[in-house]
Amino acid sequence: MSTETLFEEEVVEKQVAEHNLIVYNDDINTFDFVIESLIKICKHDSVQAEQCTMLIHYKGRCDVKTGEYEKLTEMCTNLLDRGISAEVE
C-alpha cells in the first residue's frame, strides 16, 4: 500500500483595488485646453487625449485613467487646479 501526500500551496495574491479618474464635461474649458491637460497631467498621447475629450464632450464624462488611488488623487487635484471637473471613484 502506498501513501500519497498532497501538498497544498498557499498562493498569496496582492490585490490592488483599481480606481478610476473621471473627467466631466463643462461649458467653460476648450477642447484644446482639456487635451493639453490630459497630455501633461495624465501622460496621455495626443490621440488618447483627443478621444477622451470627445467622450467627455458627447457623453458628459470619461474614465481617463485607471490605477492606484494615491496616483489618481494627485492627477485629480492637478486637473481641479486647472478648473477641470474631475473625481476619483
Protein backbone atom coordinates (compact mmCIF):
# COMPACT_ATOMS: atom_id res chain seq x y z
CA MET A 1 0.00 0.00 0.00
CA SER A 2 1.41 3.38 -0.98
CA THR A 3 0.73 6.60 0.78
CA GLU A 4 0.37 9.75 -1.22
CA THR A 5 0.96 13.09 0.38
CA LEU A 6 -0.62 16.10 -1.20
CA PHE A 7 0.85 19.48 -0.60
CA GLU A 8 -1.41 22.44 -0.83
CA GLU A 9 0.31 25.59 -1.92
CA GLU A 10 -0.89 28.80 -0.46
CA VAL A 11 -0.94 31.46 -3.07
CA VAL A 12 -0.95 34.96 -1.75
CA GLU A 13 -2.25 37.44 -4.23
CA LYS A 14 -1.66 41.12 -3.81
CA GLN A 15 -4.95 42.76 -4.52
CA VAL A 16 -4.79 46.33 -5.60
CA ALA A 17 -8.13 47.99 -5.92
CA GLU A 18 -8.41 49.71 -9.25
CA HIS A 19 -9.83 53.21 -9.16
CA ASN A 20 -10.90 55.48 -11.99
CA LEU A 21 -10.12 59.11 -12.62
CA ILE A 22 -13.22 60.61 -14.19
CA VAL A 23 -13.39 63.93 -16.01
CA TYR A 24 -16.75 65.63 -16.52
CA ASN A 25 -17.95 67.91 -19.27
CA ASP A 26 -18.39 71.61 -18.63
CA ASP A 27 -19.17 74.69 -20.68
CA ILE A 28 -16.01 76.51 -19.64
CA ASN A 29 -12.90 74.68 -20.87
CA THR A 30 -11.94 74.38 -24.53
CA PHE A 31 -11.18 71.11 -26.28
CA ASP A 32 -7.56 72.17 -26.73
CA PHE A 33 -7.15 73.01 -23.05
CA VAL A 34 -8.58 69.66 -21.90
CA ILE A 35 -6.45 67.77 -24.45
CA GLU A 36 -3.33 69.65 -23.32
CA SER A 37 -4.19 68.94 -19.66
CA LEU A 38 -4.69 65.20 -20.24
CA ILE A 39 -1.35 65.02 -22.05
CA LYS A 40 0.51 66.95 -19.35
CA ILE A 41 -1.14 65.57 -16.21
CA CYS A 42 -2.31 62.07 -17.17
CA LYS A 43 0.55 61.36 -19.60
CA HIS A 44 -1.84 60.57 -22.48
CA ASP A 45 -0.58 60.63 -26.03
CA SER A 46 -2.33 63.13 -28.30
CA VAL A 47 -4.72 60.58 -29.86
CA GLN A 48 -5.80 59.20 -26.48
CA ALA A 49 -6.29 62.72 -25.10
CA GLU A 50 -8.42 63.71 -28.12
CA GLN A 51 -10.57 60.57 -27.83
CA CYS A 52 -11.15 61.11 -24.12
CA THR A 53 -12.03 64.76 -24.72
CA MET A 54 -14.62 63.78 -27.35
CA LEU A 55 -16.16 61.26 -24.94
CA ILE A 56 -16.22 63.88 -22.19
CA HIS A 57 -18.00 66.29 -24.52
CA TYR A 58 -20.54 63.91 -26.03
CA LYS A 59 -21.15 61.50 -23.12
CA GLY A 60 -20.76 64.01 -20.30
CA ARG A 61 -17.88 62.14 -18.66
CA CYS A 62 -15.00 59.80 -19.34
CA ASP A 63 -12.79 57.49 -17.27
CA VAL A 64 -9.49 58.99 -18.36
CA LYS A 65 -7.18 56.90 -16.18
CA THR A 66 -7.29 53.72 -14.09
CA GLY A 67 -4.86 52.86 -11.32
CA GLU A 68 -3.86 53.28 -7.71
CA TYR A 69 -5.85 55.73 -5.63
CA GLU A 70 -2.88 57.84 -4.49
CA LYS A 71 -1.59 58.48 -8.02
CA LEU A 72 -5.05 59.26 -9.37
CA THR A 73 -5.79 61.62 -6.48
CA GLU A 74 -2.71 63.67 -7.35
CA MET A 75 -3.75 63.81 -11.01
CA CYS A 76 -7.30 64.76 -9.99
CA THR A 77 -6.03 67.61 -7.82
CA ASN A 78 -3.93 68.91 -10.71
CA LEU A 79 -6.92 68.80 -13.06
CA LEU A 80 -9.12 70.56 -10.49
CA ASP A 81 -6.42 73.24 -10.06
CA ARG A 82 -6.77 73.87 -13.81
CA GLY A 83 -10.53 74.27 -13.47
CA ILE A 84 -11.40 70.87 -14.97
CA SER A 85 -14.19 68.94 -13.23
CA ALA A 86 -12.82 65.58 -12.09
CA GLU A 87 -13.08 62.99 -9.33
CA VAL A 88 -11.62 59.62 -8.34
CA GLU A 89 -14.01 56.67 -7.92
